[in-house]
């Protein structure tokens, strides 16, 4: 049951991020997806994979080890995406009025 709830929350977060970034500038897309990766994808995805691996392996410590490796890596990827969005210069083709 908990796995189904985590999957639903993850899918809702992805749908919201998609809606927020649809037809926006690249800068805005990077910011939205960076925040989504750090706050939704990293914890939920790493937890889902770790729980699945721990149940297959039959050892809770395997799940703890995997989540302690996966979460920081995915979180740092999200942080890099966010920083690219923050420090990205505006497109030169865009004319502001």
PDB file of N, CA and C in Angstrom:
ATOM      1  N   UNK A   1       0.815  -1.199   0.000  1.00  0.00           N
ATOM      2  CA  UNK A   1       0.000   0.000   0.000  1.00  0.00           C
ATOM      3  C   UNK A   1       0.858   1.263   0.000  1.00  0.00           C
ATOM      4  N   UNK A   2       1.923   1.248   0.806  1.00  0.00           N
ATOM      5  CA  UNK A   2       2.798   2.422   0.878  1.00  0.00           C
ATOM      6  C   UNK A   2       3.509   2.661  -0.453  1.00  0.00           C
ATOM      7  N   UNK A   3       3.823   1.589  -1.144  1.00  0.00           N
ATOM      8  CA  UNK A   3       4.491   1.731  -2.441  1.00  0.00           C
ATOM      9  C   UNK A   3       3.543   2.375  -3.453  1.00  0.00           C
ATOM     10  N   UNK A   4       2.283   1.972  -3.422  1.00  0.00           N
ATOM     11  CA  UNK A   4       1.301   2.563  -4.341  1.00  0.00           C
ATOM     12  C   UNK A   4       1.113   4.053  -4.059  1.00  0.00           C
ATOM     13  N   UNK A   5       1.091   4.433  -2.792  1.00  0.00           N
ATOM     14  CA  UNK A   5       0.952   5.841  -2.432  1.00  0.00           C
ATOM     15  C   UNK A   5       2.161   6.637  -2.917  1.00  0.00           C
ATOM     16  N   UNK A   6       3.357   6.079  -2.751  1.00  0.00           N
ATOM     17  CA  UNK A   6       4.572   6.761  -3.205  1.00  0.00           C
ATOM     18  C   UNK A   6       4.578   6.920  -4.725  1.00  0.00           C
ATOM     19  N   UNK A   7       4.124   5.905  -5.433  1.00  0.00           N
ATOM     20  CA  UNK A   7       4.062   5.989  -6.897  1.00  0.00           C
ATOM     21  C   UNK A   7       3.059   7.057  -7.324  1.00  0.00           C
ATOM     22  N   UNK A   8       1.920   7.107  -6.668  1.00  0.00           N
ATOM     23  CA  UNK A   8       0.903   8.113  -7.009  1.00  0.00           C
ATOM     24  C   UNK A   8       1.427   9.521  -6.738  1.00  0.00           C
ATOM     25  N   UNK A   9       2.072   9.716  -5.596  1.00  0.00           N
ATOM     26  CA  UNK A   9       2.629  11.037  -5.272  1.00  0.00           C
ATOM     27  C   UNK A   9       3.697  11.425  -6.284  1.00  0.00           C
ATOM     28  N   UNK A  10       4.525  10.483  -6.669  1.00  0.00           N
ATOM     29  CA  UNK A  10       5.575  10.754  -7.657  1.00  0.00           C
ATOM     30  C   UNK A  10       4.972  11.127  -9.006  1.00  0.00           C
ATOM     31  N   UNK A  11       3.952  10.413  -9.432  1.00  0.00           N
ATOM     32  CA  UNK A  11       3.314  10.719 -10.715  1.00  0.00           C
ATOM     33  C   UNK A  11       2.604  12.073 -10.690  1.00  0.00           C
ATOM     34  N   UNK A  12       1.966  12.392  -9.566  1.00  0.00           N
ATOM     35  CA  UNK A  12       1.304  13.701  -9.441  1.00  0.00           C
ATOM     36  C   UNK A  12       2.343  14.821  -9.476  1.00  0.00           C
ATOM     37  N   UNK A  13       3.465  14.632  -8.799  1.00  0.00           N
ATOM     38  CA  UNK A  13       4.527  15.643  -8.803  1.00  0.00           C
ATOM     39  C   UNK A  13       5.091  15.837 -10.202  1.00  0.00           C
ATOM     40  N   UNK A  14       5.265  14.742 -10.935  1.00  0.00           N
ATOM     41  CA  UNK A  14       5.756  14.857 -12.316  1.00  0.00           C
ATOM     42  C   UNK A  14       4.742  15.566 -13.211  1.00  0.00           C
ATOM     43  N   UNK A  15       3.467  15.275 -13.017  1.00  0.00           N
ATOM     44  CA  UNK A  15       2.435  15.938 -13.816  1.00  0.00           C
ATOM     45  C   UNK A  15       2.377  17.429 -13.513  1.00  0.00           C
ATOM     46  N   UNK A  16       2.486  17.795 -12.247  1.00  0.00           N
ATOM     47  CA  UNK A  16       2.471  19.216 -11.874  1.00  0.00           C
ATOM     48  C   UNK A  16       3.688  19.926 -12.447  1.00  0.00           C
ATOM     49  N   UNK A  17       4.854  19.292 -12.362  1.00  0.00           N
ATOM     50  CA  UNK A  17       6.067  19.904 -12.910  1.00  0.00           C
ATOM     51  C   UNK A  17       5.954  20.074 -14.424  1.00  0.00           C
ATOM     52  N   UNK A  18       5.375  19.101 -15.077  1.00  0.00           N
ATOM     53  CA  UNK A  18       5.182  19.211 -16.520  1.00  0.00           C
ATOM     54  C   UNK A  18       4.254  20.373 -16.860  1.00  0.00           C
ATOM     55  N   UNK A  19       3.173  20.503 -16.111  1.00  0.00           N
ATOM     56  CA  UNK A  19       2.230  21.594 -16.355  1.00  0.00           C
ATOM     57  C   UNK A  19       2.867  22.960 -16.089  1.00  0.00           C
ATOM     58  N   UNK A  20       3.699  23.044 -15.048  1.00  0.00           N
ATOM     59  CA  UNK A  20       4.341  24.321 -14.732  1.00  0.00           C
ATOM     60  C   UNK A  20       5.412  24.716 -15.750  1.00  0.00           C
ATOM     61  N   UNK A  21       5.998  23.720 -16.417  1.00  0.00           N
ATOM     62  CA  UNK A  21       7.073  24.037 -17.346  1.00  0.00           C
ATOM     63  C   UNK A  21       6.643  24.027 -18.810  1.00  0.00           C
ATOM     64  N   UNK A  22       5.412  23.651 -19.067  1.00  0.00           N
ATOM     65  CA  UNK A  22       4.943  23.587 -20.452  1.00  0.00           C
ATOM     66  C   UNK A  22       4.862  24.992 -21.044  1.00  0.00           C
ATOM     67  N   UNK A  23       5.430  25.152 -22.224  1.00  0.00           N
ATOM     68  CA  UNK A  23       5.474  26.400 -22.986  1.00  0.00           C
ATOM     69  C   UNK A  23       6.083  27.561 -22.195  1.00  0.00           C
ATOM     70  N   UNK A  24       7.121  27.269 -21.421  1.00  0.00           N
ATOM     71  CA  UNK A  24       7.865  28.289 -20.681  1.00  0.00           C
ATOM     72  C   UNK A  24       9.280  28.365 -21.247  1.00  0.00           C
ATOM     73  N   UNK A  25      10.040  29.337 -20.794  1.00  0.00           N
ATOM     74  CA  UNK A  25      11.414  29.481 -21.256  1.00  0.00           C
ATOM     75  C   UNK A  25      12.276  28.354 -20.699  1.00  0.00           C
ATOM     76  N   UNK A  26      13.434  28.156 -21.318  1.00  0.00           N
ATOM     77  CA  UNK A  26      14.340  27.107 -20.849  1.00  0.00           C
ATOM     78  C   UNK A  26      14.796  27.371 -19.420  1.00  0.00           C
ATOM     79  N   UNK A  27      14.993  28.632 -19.097  1.00  0.00           N
ATOM     80  CA  UNK A  27      15.405  28.995 -17.751  1.00  0.00           C
ATOM     81  C   UNK A  27      14.363  28.534 -16.735  1.00  0.00           C
ATOM     82  N   UNK A  28      13.105  28.800 -17.004  1.00  0.00           N
ATOM     83  CA  UNK A  28      12.022  28.406 -16.103  1.00  0.00           C
ATOM     84  C   UNK A  28      11.897  26.886 -16.024  1.00  0.00           C
ATOM     85  N   UNK A  29      12.082  26.205 -17.160  1.00  0.00           N
ATOM     86  CA  UNK A  29      12.005  24.743 -17.171  1.00  0.00           C
ATOM     87  C   UNK A  29      13.097  24.126 -16.305  1.00  0.00           C
ATOM     88  N   UNK A  30      14.311  24.653 -16.415  1.00  0.00           N
ATOM     89  CA  UNK A  30      15.405  24.132 -15.588  1.00  0.00           C
ATOM     90  C   UNK A  30      15.111  24.340 -14.103  1.00  0.00           C
ATOM     91  N   UNK A  31      14.588  25.480 -13.754  1.00  0.00           N
ATOM     92  CA  UNK A  31      14.289  25.761 -12.345  1.00  0.00           C
ATOM     93  C   UNK A  31      13.198  24.828 -11.834  1.00  0.00           C
ATOM     94  N   UNK A  32      12.133  24.670 -12.585  1.00  0.00           N
ATOM     95  CA  UNK A  32      11.020  23.807 -12.153  1.00  0.00           C
ATOM     96  C   UNK A  32      11.470  22.359 -12.027  1.00  0.00           C
ATOM     97  N   UNK A  33      12.200  21.869 -13.025  1.00  0.00           N
ATOM     98  CA  UNK A  33      12.617  20.473 -12.983  1.00  0.00           C
ATOM     99  C   UNK A  33      13.722  20.227 -11.961  1.00  0.00           C
ATOM    100  N   UNK A  34      14.544  21.223 -11.691  1.00  0.00           N
ATOM    101  CA  UNK A  34      15.538  21.078 -10.638  1.00  0.00           C
ATOM    102  C   UNK A  34      14.890  20.945  -9.273  1.00  0.00           C
ATOM    103  N   UNK A  35      13.916  21.793  -8.995  1.00  0.00           N
ATOM    104  CA  UNK A  35      13.199  21.719  -7.715  1.00  0.00           C
ATOM    105  C   UNK A  35      12.422  20.410  -7.612  1.00  0.00           C
ATOM    106  N   UNK A  36      11.785  20.007  -8.692  1.00  0.00           N
ATOM    107  CA  UNK A  36      11.034  18.752  -8.685  1.00  0.00           C
ATOM    108  C   UNK A  36      11.956  17.560  -8.458  1.00  0.00           C
ATOM    109  N   UNK A  37      13.113  17.583  -9.078  1.00  0.00           N
ATOM    110  CA  UNK A  37      14.063  16.492  -8.894  1.00  0.00           C
ATOM    111  C   UNK A  37      14.543  16.415  -7.458  1.00  0.00           C
ATOM    112  N   UNK A  38      14.827  17.572  -6.865  1.00  0.00           N
ATOM    113  CA  UNK A  38      15.341  17.565  -5.496  1.00  0.00           C
ATOM    114  C   UNK A  38      14.268  17.194  -4.476  1.00  0.00           C
ATOM    115  N   UNK A  39      13.062  17.704  -4.625  1.00  0.00           N
ATOM    116  CA  UNK A  39      12.046  17.543  -3.587  1.00  0.00           C
ATOM    117  C   UNK A  39      11.107  16.360  -3.788  1.00  0.00           C
ATOM    118  N   UNK A  40      10.927  15.905  -5.010  1.00  0.00           N
ATOM    119  CA  UNK A  40       9.982  14.814  -5.249  1.00  0.00           C
ATOM    120  C   UNK A  40      10.650  13.560  -5.807  1.00  0.00           C
ATOM    121  N   UNK A  41      11.434  13.724  -6.851  1.00  0.00           N
ATOM    122  CA  UNK A  41      11.984  12.556  -7.518  1.00  0.00           C
ATOM    123  C   UNK A  41      13.061  11.882  -6.668  1.00  0.00           C
ATOM    124  N   UNK A  42      13.989  12.640  -6.118  1.00  0.00           N
ATOM    125  CA  UNK A  42      15.093  12.045  -5.363  1.00  0.00           C
ATOM    126  C   UNK A  42      14.612  11.204  -4.178  1.00  0.00           C
ATOM    127  N   UNK A  43      13.798  11.743  -3.288  1.00  0.00           N
ATOM    128  CA  UNK A  43      13.419  10.903  -2.150  1.00  0.00           C
ATOM    129  C   UNK A  43      12.484   9.753  -2.512  1.00  0.00           C
ATOM    130  N   UNK A  44      11.485  10.021  -3.337  1.00  0.00           N
ATOM    131  CA  UNK A  44      10.499   8.983  -3.642  1.00  0.00           C
ATOM    132  C   UNK A  44      11.074   7.887  -4.532  1.00  0.00           C
ATOM    133  N   UNK A  45      11.781   8.274  -5.573  1.00  0.00           N
ATOM    134  CA  UNK A  45      12.340   7.274  -6.491  1.00  0.00           C
ATOM    135  C   UNK A  45      13.395   6.423  -5.791  1.00  0.00           C
ATOM    136  N   UNK A  46      14.279   7.055  -5.023  1.00  0.00           N
ATOM    137  CA  UNK A  46      15.308   6.270  -4.337  1.00  0.00           C
ATOM    138  C   UNK A  46      14.684   5.366  -3.271  1.00  0.00           C
ATOM    139  N   UNK A  47      13.612   5.827  -2.610  1.00  0.00           N
ATOM    140  CA  UNK A  47      12.932   4.978  -1.635  1.00  0.00           C
ATOM    141  C   UNK A  47      12.265   3.785  -2.313  1.00  0.00           C
ATOM    142  N   UNK A  48      11.592   4.047  -3.438  1.00  0.00           N
ATOM    143  CA  UNK A  48      10.921   2.950  -4.148  1.00  0.00           C
ATOM    144  C   UNK A  48      11.909   1.883  -4.610  1.00  0.00           C
ATOM    145  N   UNK A  49      13.001   2.314  -5.201  1.00  0.00           N
ATOM    146  CA  UNK A  49      14.005   1.368  -5.676  1.00  0.00           C
ATOM    147  C   UNK A  49      14.637   0.627  -4.509  1.00  0.00           C
ATOM    148  N   UNK A  50      14.941   1.327  -3.429  1.00  0.00           N
ATOM    149  CA  UNK A  50      15.590   0.708  -2.276  1.00  0.00           C
ATOM    150  C   UNK A  50      14.689  -0.305  -1.582  1.00  0.00           C
ATOM    151  N   UNK A  51      13.420   0.027  -1.419  1.00  0.00           N
ATOM    152  CA  UNK A  51      12.475  -0.906  -0.793  1.00  0.00           C
ATOM    153  C   UNK A  51      12.317  -2.152  -1.652  1.00  0.00           C
ATOM    154  N   UNK A  52      12.215  -1.958  -2.953  1.00  0.00           N
ATOM    155  CA  UNK A  52      12.089  -3.099  -3.854  1.00  0.00           C
ATOM    156  C   UNK A  52      13.325  -3.987  -3.793  1.00  0.00           C
ATOM    157  N   UNK A  53      14.490  -3.373  -3.818  1.00  0.00           N
ATOM    158  CA  UNK A  53      15.730  -4.143  -3.758  1.00  0.00           C
ATOM    159  C   UNK A  53      15.876  -4.847  -2.415  1.00  0.00           C
ATOM    160  N   UNK A  54      15.507  -4.189  -1.328  1.00  0.00           N
ATOM    161  CA  UNK A  54      15.614  -4.801  -0.004  1.00  0.00           C
ATOM    162  C   UNK A  54      14.686  -6.004   0.125  1.00  0.00           C
ATOM    163  N   UNK A  55      13.494  -5.912  -0.434  1.00  0.00           N
ATOM    164  CA  UNK A  55      12.568  -7.044  -0.339  1.00  0.00           C
ATOM    165  C   UNK A  55      13.026  -8.208  -1.218  1.00  0.00           C
ATOM    166  N   UNK A  56      13.607  -7.914  -2.366  1.00  0.00           N
ATOM    167  CA  UNK A  56      14.121  -8.984  -3.225  1.00  0.00           C
ATOM    168  C   UNK A  56      15.350  -9.634  -2.585  1.00  0.00           C
ATOM    169  N   UNK A  57      16.213  -8.807  -2.040  1.00  0.00           N
ATOM    170  CA  UNK A  57      17.444  -9.305  -1.436  1.00  0.00           C
ATOM    171  C   UNK A  57      17.173  -9.966  -0.085  1.00  0.00           C
ATOM    172  N   UNK A  58      16.123  -9.539   0.603  1.00  0.00           N
ATOM    173  CA  UNK A  58      15.797 -10.105   1.898  1.00  0.00           C
ATOM    174  C   UNK A  58      16.575  -9.479   3.045  1.00  0.00           C
ATOM    175  N   UNK A  59      17.170  -8.333   2.792  1.00  0.00           N
ATOM    176  CA  UNK A  59      17.961  -7.665   3.811  1.00  0.00           C
ATOM    177  C   UNK A  59      17.609  -6.184   3.829  1.00  0.00           C
ATOM    178  N   UNK A  60      17.211  -5.697   4.996  1.00  0.00           N
ATOM    179  CA  UNK A  60      16.902  -4.283   5.131  1.00  0.00           C
ATOM    180  C   UNK A  60      18.125  -3.407   4.985  1.00  0.00           C
ATOM    181  N   UNK A  61      19.284  -3.952   5.370  1.00  0.00           N
ATOM    182  CA  UNK A  61      20.524  -3.183   5.262  1.00  0.00           C
ATOM    183  C   UNK A  61      20.893  -2.908   3.809  1.00  0.00           C
ATOM    184  N   UNK A  62      20.515  -3.799   2.913  1.00  0.00           N
ATOM    185  CA  UNK A  62      20.762  -3.562   1.488  1.00  0.00           C
ATOM    186  C   UNK A  62      19.957  -2.358   1.015  1.00  0.00           C
ATOM    187  N   UNK A  63      18.731  -2.229   1.507  1.00  0.00           N
ATOM    188  CA  UNK A  63      17.902  -1.075   1.157  1.00  0.00           C
ATOM    189  C   UNK A  63      18.461   0.211   1.726  1.00  0.00           C
ATOM    190  N   UNK A  64      18.942   0.150   2.972  1.00  0.00           N
ATOM    191  CA  UNK A  64      19.539   1.338   3.601  1.00  0.00           C
ATOM    192  C   UNK A  64      20.779   1.775   2.834  1.00  0.00           C
ATOM    193  N   UNK A  65      21.601   0.821   2.460  1.00  0.00           N
ATOM    194  CA  UNK A  65      22.818   1.152   1.719  1.00  0.00           C
ATOM    195  C   UNK A  65      22.492   1.758   0.357  1.00  0.00           C
ATOM    196  N   UNK A  66      21.514   1.188  -0.311  1.00  0.00           N
ATOM    197  CA  UNK A  66      21.163   1.689  -1.631  1.00  0.00           C
ATOM    198  C   UNK A  66      20.551   3.082  -1.568  1.00  0.00           C
ATOM    199  N   UNK A  67      19.672   3.313  -0.605  1.00  0.00           N
ATOM    200  CA  UNK A  67      19.062   4.645  -0.510  1.00  0.00           C
ATOM    201  C   UNK A  67      20.095   5.681  -0.103  1.00  0.00           C
ATOM    202  N   UNK A  68      21.079   5.295   0.706  1.00  0.00           N
ATOM    203  CA  UNK A  68      22.111   6.258   1.109  1.00  0.00           C
ATOM    204  C   UNK A  68      23.057   6.590  -0.041  1.00  0.00           C
ATOM    205  N   UNK A  69      23.072   5.783  -1.060  1.00  0.00           N
ATOM    206  CA  UNK A  69      23.875   6.080  -2.255  1.00  0.00           C
ATOM    207  C   UNK A  69      23.044   6.833  -3.290  1.00  0.00           C
ATOM    208  N   UNK A  70      21.820   6.368  -3.520  1.00  0.00           N
ATOM    209  CA  UNK A  70      20.998   6.946  -4.584  1.00  0.00           C
ATOM    210  C   UNK A  70      20.492   8.347  -4.275  1.00  0.00           C
ATOM    211  N   UNK A  71      20.001   8.572  -3.062  1.00  0.00           N
ATOM    212  CA  UNK A  71      19.388   9.855  -2.737  1.00  0.00           C
ATOM    213  C   UNK A  71      20.335  11.034  -2.932  1.00  0.00           C
ATOM    214  N   UNK A  72      21.563  11.002  -2.380  1.00  0.00           N
ATOM    215  CA  UNK A  72      22.435  12.166  -2.588  1.00  0.00           C
ATOM    216  C   UNK A  72      22.810  12.396  -4.050  1.00  0.00           C
ATOM    217  N   UNK A  73      22.983  11.319  -4.797  1.00  0.00           N
ATOM    218  CA  UNK A  73      23.357  11.472  -6.205  1.00  0.00           C
ATOM    219  C   UNK A  73      22.222  12.141  -6.989  1.00  0.00           C
ATOM    220  N   UNK A  74      20.997  11.657  -6.817  1.00  0.00           N
ATOM    221  CA  UNK A  74      19.869  12.250  -7.531  1.00  0.00           C
ATOM    222  C   UNK A  74      19.615  13.673  -7.047  1.00  0.00           C
ATOM    223  N   UNK A  75      19.779  13.916  -5.743  1.00  0.00           N
ATOM    224  CA  UNK A  75      19.595  15.257  -5.199  1.00  0.00           C
ATOM    225  C   UNK A  75      20.611  16.231  -5.802  1.00  0.00           C
ATOM    226  N   UNK A  76      21.854  15.807  -5.923  1.00  0.00           N
ATOM    227  CA  UNK A  76      22.878  16.672  -6.515  1.00  0.00           C
ATOM    228  C   UNK A  76      22.608  16.933  -7.993  1.00  0.00           C
ATOM    229  N   UNK A  77      22.079  15.952  -8.696  1.00  0.00           N
ATOM    230  CA  UNK A  77      21.696  16.172 -10.094  1.00  0.00           C
ATOM    231  C   UNK A  77      20.611  17.248 -10.169  1.00  0.00           C
ATOM    232  N   UNK A  78      19.638  17.176  -9.271  1.00  0.00           N
ATOM    233  CA  UNK A  78      18.590  18.195  -9.222  1.00  0.00           C
ATOM    234  C   UNK A  78      19.144  19.562  -8.863  1.00  0.00           C
ATOM    235  N   UNK A  79      20.107  19.605  -7.947  1.00  0.00           N
ATOM    236  CA  UNK A  79      20.728  20.874  -7.566  1.00  0.00           C
ATOM    237  C   UNK A  79      21.475  21.491  -8.746  1.00  0.00           C
ATOM    238  N   UNK A  80      22.158  20.672  -9.516  1.00  0.00           N
ATOM    239  CA  UNK A  80      22.866  21.175 -10.697  1.00  0.00           C
ATOM    240  C   UNK A  80      21.871  21.710 -11.720  1.00  0.00           C
ATOM    241  N   UNK A  81      20.780  21.000 -11.933  1.00  0.00           N
ATOM    242  CA  UNK A  81      19.748  21.468 -12.864  1.00  0.00           C
ATOM    243  C   UNK A  81      19.168  22.804 -12.394  1.00  0.00           C
ATOM    244  N   UNK A  82      18.909  22.919 -11.099  1.00  0.00           N
ATOM    245  CA  UNK A  82      18.387  24.172 -10.549  1.00  0.00           C
ATOM    246  C   UNK A  82      19.383  25.309 -10.721  1.00  0.00           C
ATOM    247  N   UNK A  83      20.640  25.064 -10.443  1.00  0.00           N
ATOM    248  CA  UNK A  83      21.651  26.113 -10.580  1.00  0.00           C
ATOM    249  C   UNK A  83      21.859  26.522 -12.031  1.00  0.00           C
ATOM    250  N   UNK A  84      21.752  25.569 -12.947  1.00  0.00           N
ATOM    251  CA  UNK A  84      21.821  25.919 -14.375  1.00  0.00           C
ATOM    252  C   UNK A  84      20.670  26.849 -14.723  1.00  0.00           C
ATOM    253  N   UNK A  85      19.483  26.565 -14.196  1.00  0.00           N
ATOM    254  CA  UNK A  85      18.336  27.417 -14.465  1.00  0.00           C
ATOM    255  C   UNK A  85      18.472  28.794 -13.843  1.00  0.00           C
ATOM    256  N   UNK A  86      19.037  28.874 -12.645  1.00  0.00           N
ATOM    257  CA  UNK A  86      19.182  30.166 -11.972  1.00  0.00           C
ATOM    258  C   UNK A  86      20.209  31.045 -12.672  1.00  0.00           C
ATOM    259  N   UNK A  87      21.326  30.468 -13.048  1.00  0.00           N
ATOM    260  CA  UNK A  87      22.408  31.258 -13.616  1.00  0.00           C
ATOM    261  C   UNK A  87      22.411  31.297 -15.136  1.00  0.00           C
ATOM    262  N   UNK A  88      21.414  30.742 -15.769  1.00  0.00           N
ATOM    263  CA  UNK A  88      21.320  30.774 -17.233  1.00  0.00           C
ATOM    264  C   UNK A  88      20.924  32.176 -17.677  1.00  0.00           C
ATOM    265  N   UNK A  89      21.595  32.646 -18.701  1.00  0.00           N
ATOM    266  CA  UNK A  89      21.241  33.950 -19.246  1.00  0.00           C
ATOM    267  C   UNK A  89      20.006  33.810 -20.112  1.00  0.00           C
ATOM    268  N   UNK A  90      19.286  34.878 -20.240  1.00  0.00           N
ATOM    269  CA  UNK A  90      18.084  34.853 -21.064  1.00  0.00           C
ATOM    270  C   UNK A  90      18.464  34.661 -22.517  1.00  0.00           C
ATOM    271  N   UNK A  91      17.549  34.081 -23.264  1.00  0.00           N
ATOM    272  CA  UNK A  91      17.791  33.857 -24.679  1.00  0.00           C
ATOM    273  C   UNK A  91      17.929  35.206 -25.399  1.00  0.00           C
ATOM    274  N   UNK A  92      18.941  35.360 -26.250  1.00  0.00           N
ATOM    275  CA  UNK A  92      19.109  36.641 -26.947  1.00  0.00           C
ATOM    276  C   UNK A  92      17.989  36.916 -27.937  1.00  0.00           C
ATOM    277  N   UNK A  93      17.269  35.897 -28.365  1.00  0.00           N
ATOM    278  CA  UNK A  93      16.192  36.079 -29.317  1.00  0.00           C
ATOM    279  C   UNK A  93      14.935  36.648 -28.646  1.00  0.00           C
ATOM    280  N   UNK A  94      14.850  36.485 -27.337  1.00  0.00           N
ATOM    281  CA  UNK A  94      13.680  36.947 -26.617  1.00  0.00           C
ATOM    282  C   UNK A  94      13.708  38.462 -26.464  1.00  0.00           C
ATOM    283  N   UNK A  95      12.651  39.114 -26.901  1.00  0.00           N
ATOM    284  CA  UNK A  95      12.554  40.569 -26.793  1.00  0.00           C
ATOM    285  C   UNK A  95      11.532  40.872 -25.733  1.00  0.00           C
ATOM    286  N   UNK A  96      11.977  41.570 -24.689  1.00  0.00           N
ATOM    287  CA  UNK A  96      11.050  41.929 -23.613  1.00  0.00           C
ATOM    288  C   UNK A  96      10.479  43.313 -23.886  1.00  0.00           C
ATOM    289  N   UNK A  97       9.221  43.495 -23.545  1.00  0.00           N
ATOM    290  CA  UNK A  97       8.561  44.776 -23.781  1.00  0.00           C
ATOM    291  C   UNK A  97       8.424  45.526 -22.481  1.00  0.00           C
TER     292      UNK A  97
END
